[in-house]
Amino acid sequence: MPEPANWSASTPDTGVTNMPCWVPSDTSGVQLVSCGRWWDALWLPCEDWGHLPDVCPGAGVIQNRADRVLVWLVPVGSVTGWRPPGAQVLDRGHLLPVPPVEWSTSWWLTWRQPPIGDAITDPDQLRRAMSAQPAAGVSDVCVRCGCLPLTPAVISGRDADGRPLDLTACQAHATEVTVALEHAAELADTPRLRRAQ
């Protein structure tokens, strides 16, 4: 089968212009597209990340109602090793069902946010949005910078009142958070001056 060009012009039946060649037409329906060529796909479960398209529409978001997932297309290799809670990275060797751009409602597979340009979302923008709006029940964001770390460090210590405390930090801030907890423990061990009444 011949390889398509990277961009198509306009589809005469819909008037949609400048869509990447891998976006199927309304008449062809859903197409399986190989991941790892134009993009990788990040699948996130709707029950945990359903709010994210409102915060980070990116360049397009696919909603798969059958599998109850949202899909962002990201540059090839840009999210390798990154595993937000419940996420699955689809890269080379995976096939992704892609709906026509005209499908935005009532089908099992739709564009929750219609594609813009190449439909590829900046992974840093996505990471920032996920850190600012973590998944339901997720508490492993860095206490220092708010990022969602690839390999979080959980640091145990005591707060200034001596109560046990576990904090999550990214690797870049783990030492700083450890020092802060050690300082808090020292404060807890220091007799406090009372104000005269």
C-alpha atoms as a PDB file:
ATOM      1  CA  MET A   1       0.000   0.000   0.000  1.00  0.00           C
ATOM      2  CA  PRO A   2       1.490   3.394  -0.928  1.00  0.00           C
ATOM      3  CA  GLU A   3       2.373   5.776   1.875  1.00  0.00           C
ATOM      4  CA  PRO A   4       0.159   8.873   2.056  1.00  0.00           C
ATOM      5  CA  ALA A   5       1.604  12.363   1.985  1.00  0.00           C
ATOM      6  CA  ASN A   6       1.874  14.146   5.321  1.00  0.00           C
ATOM      7  CA  TRP A   7      -0.951  16.603   4.595  1.00  0.00           C
ATOM      8  CA  SER A   8      -4.141  16.451   2.624  1.00  0.00           C
ATOM      9  CA  ALA A   9      -5.704  19.459   0.971  1.00  0.00           C
ATOM     10  CA  SER A  10      -9.447  19.722   1.416  1.00  0.00           C
ATOM     11  CA  THR A  11     -12.060  17.039   1.368  1.00  0.00           C
ATOM     12  CA  PRO A  12     -14.654  18.108  -1.216  1.00  0.00           C
ATOM     13  CA  ASP A  13     -17.596  16.539   0.634  1.00  0.00           C
ATOM     14  CA  THR A  14     -16.945  18.373   3.936  1.00  0.00           C
ATOM     15  CA  GLY A  15     -14.785  21.381   3.135  1.00  0.00           C
ATOM     16  CA  VAL A  16     -12.380  20.497   5.992  1.00  0.00           C
ATOM     17  CA  THR A  17      -8.963  21.813   5.024  1.00  0.00           C
ATOM     18  CA  ASN A  18      -5.364  21.253   6.025  1.00  0.00           C
ATOM     19  CA  MET A  19      -5.919  18.091   8.031  1.00  0.00           C
ATOM     20  CA  PRO A  20      -3.010  15.693   8.352  1.00  0.00           C
ATOM     21  CA  CYS A  21      -3.256  12.753   5.959  1.00  0.00           C
ATOM     22  CA  TRP A  22      -3.837  10.292   8.820  1.00  0.00           C
ATOM     23  CA  VAL A  23      -7.143  11.978   9.822  1.00  0.00           C
ATOM     24  CA  PRO A  24      -9.822   9.939   8.011  1.00  0.00           C
ATOM     25  CA  SER A  25     -12.632  11.491   6.008  1.00  0.00           C
ATOM     26  CA  ASP A  26     -16.241  11.305   7.130  1.00  0.00           C
ATOM     27  CA  THR A  27     -17.016   8.857   4.328  1.00  0.00           C
ATOM     28  CA  SER A  28     -14.226   6.436   5.303  1.00  0.00           C
ATOM     29  CA  GLY A  29     -15.129   6.290   9.010  1.00  0.00           C
ATOM     30  CA  VAL A  30     -12.752   5.222  11.778  1.00  0.00           C
ATOM     31  CA  GLN A  31      -9.247   4.234  10.646  1.00  0.00           C
ATOM     32  CA  LEU A  32      -6.532   2.394  12.567  1.00  0.00           C
ATOM     33  CA  VAL A  33      -3.380   4.510  12.447  1.00  0.00           C
ATOM     34  CA  SER A  34       0.097   3.299  13.442  1.00  0.00           C
ATOM     35  CA  CYS A  35       1.559   5.025  16.483  1.00  0.00           C
ATOM     36  CA  GLY A  36       5.224   6.008  16.451  1.00  0.00           C
ATOM     37  CA  ARG A  37       5.267   7.504  12.968  1.00  0.00           C
ATOM     38  CA  TRP A  38       3.581  10.905  13.243  1.00  0.00           C
ATOM     39  CA  TRP A  39       2.922  10.815  16.992  1.00  0.00           C
ATOM     40  CA  ASP A  40       2.650   8.669  20.100  1.00  0.00           C
ATOM     41  CA  ALA A  41      -0.636   8.531  21.987  1.00  0.00           C
ATOM     42  CA  LEU A  42      -1.237   9.059  25.695  1.00  0.00           C
ATOM     43  CA  TRP A  43      -4.382   7.263  26.928  1.00  0.00           C
ATOM     44  CA  LEU A  44      -5.880   8.542  30.163  1.00  0.00           C
ATOM     45  CA  PRO A  45      -8.946   7.015  31.852  1.00  0.00           C
ATOM     46  CA  CYS A  46     -12.021   9.276  31.775  1.00  0.00           C
ATOM     47  CA  GLU A  47     -12.936   8.543  35.403  1.00  0.00           C
ATOM     48  CA  ASP A  48      -9.593   9.976  36.586  1.00  0.00           C
ATOM     49  CA  TRP A  49      -8.814  12.598  33.938  1.00  0.00           C
ATOM     50  CA  GLY A  50     -12.221  13.566  32.466  1.00  0.00           C
ATOM     51  CA  HIS A  51     -11.668  17.187  33.521  1.00  0.00           C
ATOM     52  CA  LEU A  52      -8.360  17.554  31.690  1.00  0.00           C
ATOM     53  CA  PRO A  53      -9.619  18.500  28.169  1.00  0.00           C
ATOM     54  CA  ASP A  54     -11.230  21.597  29.714  1.00  0.00           C
ATOM     55  CA  VAL A  55      -7.866  22.597  31.225  1.00  0.00           C
ATOM     56  CA  CYS A  56      -5.617  21.379  28.390  1.00  0.00           C
ATOM     57  CA  PRO A  57      -7.428  20.992  25.070  1.00  0.00           C
ATOM     58  CA  GLY A  58      -4.051  20.820  23.386  1.00  0.00           C
ATOM     59  CA  ALA A  59      -4.168  20.424  19.632  1.00  0.00           C
ATOM     60  CA  GLY A  60      -6.984  17.880  19.802  1.00  0.00           C
ATOM     61  CA  VAL A  61      -8.345  15.203  22.131  1.00  0.00           C
ATOM     62  CA  ILE A  62      -9.940  11.931  21.046  1.00  0.00           C
ATOM     63  CA  GLN A  63     -12.612  10.450  23.313  1.00  0.00           C
ATOM     64  CA  ASN A  64     -13.095   6.697  23.137  1.00  0.00           C
ATOM     65  CA  ARG A  65     -16.401   5.981  24.889  1.00  0.00           C
ATOM     66  CA  ALA A  66     -16.074   2.210  24.421  1.00  0.00           C
ATOM     67  CA  ASP A  67     -12.799   2.042  26.398  1.00  0.00           C
ATOM     68  CA  ARG A  68     -13.677   5.118  28.518  1.00  0.00           C
ATOM     69  CA  VAL A  69     -10.416   6.883  27.710  1.00  0.00           C
ATOM     70  CA  LEU A  70      -9.225  10.262  26.476  1.00  0.00           C
ATOM     71  CA  VAL A  71      -6.324  10.325  24.027  1.00  0.00           C
ATOM     72  CA  TRP A  72      -3.780  13.080  23.437  1.00  0.00           C
ATOM     73  CA  LEU A  73      -1.376  12.824  20.505  1.00  0.00           C
ATOM     74  CA  VAL A  74       2.166  13.865  21.435  1.00  0.00           C
ATOM     75  CA  PRO A  75       5.517  13.975  19.588  1.00  0.00           C
ATOM     76  CA  VAL A  76       7.120  10.571  19.043  1.00  0.00           C
ATOM     77  CA  GLY A  77       9.213   9.577  22.078  1.00  0.00           C
ATOM     78  CA  SER A  78       8.205  12.599  24.178  1.00  0.00           C
ATOM     79  CA  VAL A  79       6.371  10.662  26.909  1.00  0.00           C
ATOM     80  CA  THR A  80       8.442   7.473  26.988  1.00  0.00           C
ATOM     81  CA  GLY A  81       8.832   6.405  30.609  1.00  0.00           C
ATOM     82  CA  TRP A  82       6.233   8.897  31.814  1.00  0.00           C
ATOM     83  CA  ARG A  83       3.399   7.139  33.621  1.00  0.00           C
ATOM     84  CA  PRO A  84       0.723   9.370  35.117  1.00  0.00           C
ATOM     85  CA  PRO A  85      -1.814   7.422  37.224  1.00  0.00           C
ATOM     86  CA  GLY A  86      -3.846   5.096  35.011  1.00  0.00           C
ATOM     87  CA  ALA A  87      -2.078   6.215  31.831  1.00  0.00           C
ATOM     88  CA  GLN A  88      -0.973   4.084  28.942  1.00  0.00           C
ATOM     89  CA  VAL A  89       1.513   5.222  26.307  1.00  0.00           C
ATOM     90  CA  LEU A  90       0.910   3.877  22.809  1.00  0.00           C
ATOM     91  CA  ASP A  91       4.054   4.067  20.707  1.00  0.00           C
ATOM     92  CA  ARG A  92       5.597   2.162  17.796  1.00  0.00           C
ATOM     93  CA  GLY A  93       3.856  -1.171  17.283  1.00  0.00           C
ATOM     94  CA  HIS A  94       0.437   0.035  18.498  1.00  0.00           C
ATOM     95  CA  LEU A  95      -2.565   0.973  16.397  1.00  0.00           C
ATOM     96  CA  LEU A  96      -4.869   3.806  17.418  1.00  0.00           C
ATOM     97  CA  PRO A  97      -8.449   4.111  16.156  1.00  0.00           C
ATOM     98  CA  VAL A  98      -8.856   7.660  14.808  1.00  0.00           C
ATOM     99  CA  PRO A  99     -12.270   9.161  14.004  1.00  0.00           C
ATOM    100  CA  PRO A 100     -13.037  11.568  11.165  1.00  0.00           C
ATOM    101  CA  VAL A 101     -12.684  15.213  12.176  1.00  0.00           C
ATOM    102  CA  GLU A 102     -16.430  15.694  11.616  1.00  0.00           C
ATOM    103  CA  TRP A 103     -17.245  13.223  14.400  1.00  0.00           C
ATOM    104  CA  SER A 104     -17.599  15.348  17.516  1.00  0.00           C
ATOM    105  CA  THR A 105     -20.743  13.929  19.118  1.00  0.00           C
ATOM    106  CA  SER A 106     -22.838  10.787  19.488  1.00  0.00           C
ATOM    107  CA  TRP A 107     -20.368   8.227  18.120  1.00  0.00           C
ATOM    108  CA  TRP A 108     -18.387   5.813  20.294  1.00  0.00           C
ATOM    109  CA  LEU A 109     -15.185   7.468  19.039  1.00  0.00           C
ATOM    110  CA  THR A 110     -15.149  11.244  18.646  1.00  0.00           C
ATOM    111  CA  TRP A 111     -12.958  14.312  18.809  1.00  0.00           C
ATOM    112  CA  ARG A 112     -13.687  15.785  22.260  1.00  0.00           C
ATOM    113  CA  GLN A 113     -11.560  18.759  21.173  1.00  0.00           C
ATOM    114  CA  PRO A 114     -11.342  19.034  17.366  1.00  0.00           C
ATOM    115  CA  PRO A 115      -7.830  18.750  15.906  1.00  0.00           C
ATOM    116  CA  ILE A 116      -5.893  21.937  15.267  1.00  0.00           C
ATOM    117  CA  GLY A 117      -2.994  21.943  12.803  1.00  0.00           C
ATOM    118  CA  ASP A 118      -1.092  18.670  13.144  1.00  0.00           C
ATOM    119  CA  ALA A 119      -3.228  17.676  16.207  1.00  0.00           C
ATOM    120  CA  ILE A 120      -0.061  17.085  18.252  1.00  0.00           C
ATOM    121  CA  THR A 121      -0.091  18.472  21.798  1.00  0.00           C
ATOM    122  CA  ASP A 122       2.993  19.912  23.477  1.00  0.00           C
ATOM    123  CA  PRO A 123       3.864  17.331  26.199  1.00  0.00           C
ATOM    124  CA  ASP A 124       5.154  20.053  28.549  1.00  0.00           C
ATOM    125  CA  GLN A 125       1.796  21.834  28.330  1.00  0.00           C
ATOM    126  CA  LEU A 126       0.073  18.531  29.115  1.00  0.00           C
ATOM    127  CA  ARG A 127       2.389  17.815  32.068  1.00  0.00           C
ATOM    128  CA  ARG A 128       1.782  21.285  33.530  1.00  0.00           C
ATOM    129  CA  ALA A 129      -1.986  20.869  33.218  1.00  0.00           C
ATOM    130  CA  MET A 130      -1.835  17.414  34.832  1.00  0.00           C
ATOM    131  CA  SER A 131       0.237  18.774  37.708  1.00  0.00           C
ATOM    132  CA  ALA A 132      -2.120  21.702  38.242  1.00  0.00           C
ATOM    133  CA  GLN A 133      -5.224  19.499  38.001  1.00  0.00           C
ATOM    134  CA  PRO A 134      -4.205  16.018  39.236  1.00  0.00           C
ATOM    135  CA  ALA A 135      -6.330  12.959  38.628  1.00  0.00           C
ATOM    136  CA  ALA A 136      -9.095  12.157  41.050  1.00  0.00           C
ATOM    137  CA  GLY A 137      -7.469  10.731  44.182  1.00  0.00           C
ATOM    138  CA  VAL A 138      -3.899  11.507  43.088  1.00  0.00           C
ATOM    139  CA  SER A 139      -1.723  13.004  45.776  1.00  0.00           C
ATOM    140  CA  ASP A 140       1.780  12.313  44.478  1.00  0.00           C
ATOM    141  CA  VAL A 141       2.526  15.752  43.081  1.00  0.00           C
ATOM    142  CA  CYS A 142       5.716  17.456  44.215  1.00  0.00           C
ATOM    143  CA  VAL A 143       5.077  19.647  47.284  1.00  0.00           C
ATOM    144  CA  ARG A 144       7.737  22.100  46.089  1.00  0.00           C
ATOM    145  CA  CYS A 145       6.926  22.689  42.397  1.00  0.00           C
ATOM    146  CA  GLY A 146       3.587  20.928  41.874  1.00  0.00           C
ATOM    147  CA  CYS A 147       4.810  18.685  39.039  1.00  0.00           C
ATOM    148  CA  LEU A 148       3.687  15.092  38.609  1.00  0.00           C
ATOM    149  CA  PRO A 149       7.082  13.347  38.976  1.00  0.00           C
ATOM    150  CA  LEU A 150       8.107  10.351  36.879  1.00  0.00           C
ATOM    151  CA  THR A 151       9.784   8.799  39.917  1.00  0.00           C
ATOM    152  CA  PRO A 152       8.435  10.501  43.035  1.00  0.00           C
ATOM    153  CA  ALA A 153      10.452  10.579  46.257  1.00  0.00           C
ATOM    154  CA  VAL A 154       8.401  10.083  49.420  1.00  0.00           C
ATOM    155  CA  ILE A 155      10.147  11.765  52.332  1.00  0.00           C
ATOM    156  CA  SER A 156       9.120  10.947  55.900  1.00  0.00           C
ATOM    157  CA  GLY A 157       9.689  13.253  58.813  1.00  0.00           C
ATOM    158  CA  ARG A 158       7.886  15.386  61.382  1.00  0.00           C
ATOM    159  CA  ASP A 159       6.230  18.761  61.096  1.00  0.00           C
ATOM    160  CA  ALA A 160       7.075  21.672  63.433  1.00  0.00           C
ATOM    161  CA  ASP A 161       4.575  20.312  65.996  1.00  0.00           C
ATOM    162  CA  GLY A 162       6.233  16.881  65.984  1.00  0.00           C
ATOM    163  CA  ARG A 163       3.495  15.046  64.079  1.00  0.00           C
ATOM    164  CA  PRO A 164       4.604  12.376  61.561  1.00  0.00           C
ATOM    165  CA  LEU A 165       4.511  13.585  57.977  1.00  0.00           C
ATOM    166  CA  ASP A 166       5.076  12.022  54.529  1.00  0.00           C
ATOM    167  CA  LEU A 167       5.745  14.397  51.634  1.00  0.00           C
ATOM    168  CA  THR A 168       6.138  13.696  47.920  1.00  0.00           C
ATOM    169  CA  ALA A 169       8.805  15.479  45.899  1.00  0.00           C
ATOM    170  CA  CYS A 170      10.234  15.255  42.407  1.00  0.00           C
ATOM    171  CA  GLN A 171      13.886  14.231  42.133  1.00  0.00           C
ATOM    172  CA  ALA A 172      14.933  17.846  41.505  1.00  0.00           C
ATOM    173  CA  HIS A 173      13.466  18.975  44.847  1.00  0.00           C
ATOM    174  CA  ALA A 174      13.905  15.846  47.011  1.00  0.00           C
ATOM    175  CA  THR A 175      17.001  17.205  48.798  1.00  0.00           C
ATOM    176  CA  GLU A 176      15.379  20.582  49.449  1.00  0.00           C
ATOM    177  CA  VAL A 177      12.240  18.944  50.889  1.00  0.00           C
ATOM    178  CA  THR A 178      14.383  16.602  53.030  1.00  0.00           C
ATOM    179  CA  VAL A 179      16.315  19.566  54.463  1.00  0.00           C
ATOM    180  CA  ALA A 180      13.043  21.400  55.170  1.00  0.00           C
ATOM    181  CA  LEU A 181      11.661  18.377  57.037  1.00  0.00           C
ATOM    182  CA  GLU A 182      14.883  18.054  59.040  1.00  0.00           C
ATOM    183  CA  HIS A 183      14.605  21.720  59.944  1.00  0.00           C
ATOM    184  CA  ALA A 184      10.969  21.213  60.998  1.00  0.00           C
ATOM    185  CA  ALA A 185      12.041  18.280  63.206  1.00  0.00           C
ATOM    186  CA  GLU A 186      14.688  20.488  64.843  1.00  0.00           C
ATOM    187  CA  LEU A 187      12.031  23.122  65.525  1.00  0.00           C
ATOM    188  CA  ALA A 188       9.798  20.460  67.054  1.00  0.00           C
ATOM    189  CA  ASP A 189      12.628  19.502  69.439  1.00  0.00           C
ATOM    190  CA  THR A 190      13.364  23.134  70.436  1.00  0.00           C
ATOM    191  CA  PRO A 191      11.513  24.525  73.464  1.00  0.00           C
ATOM    192  CA  ARG A 192       9.253  27.339  72.360  1.00  0.00           C
ATOM    193  CA  LEU A 193       9.191  30.742  73.957  1.00  0.00           C
ATOM    194  CA  ARG A 194       5.825  31.738  75.277  1.00  0.00           C
ATOM    195  CA  ARG A 195       4.589  35.253  74.945  1.00  0.00           C
ATOM    196  CA  ALA A 196       4.043  36.972  78.273  1.00  0.00           C
ATOM    197  CA  GLN A 197       0.385  37.743  78.833  1.00  0.00           C
END
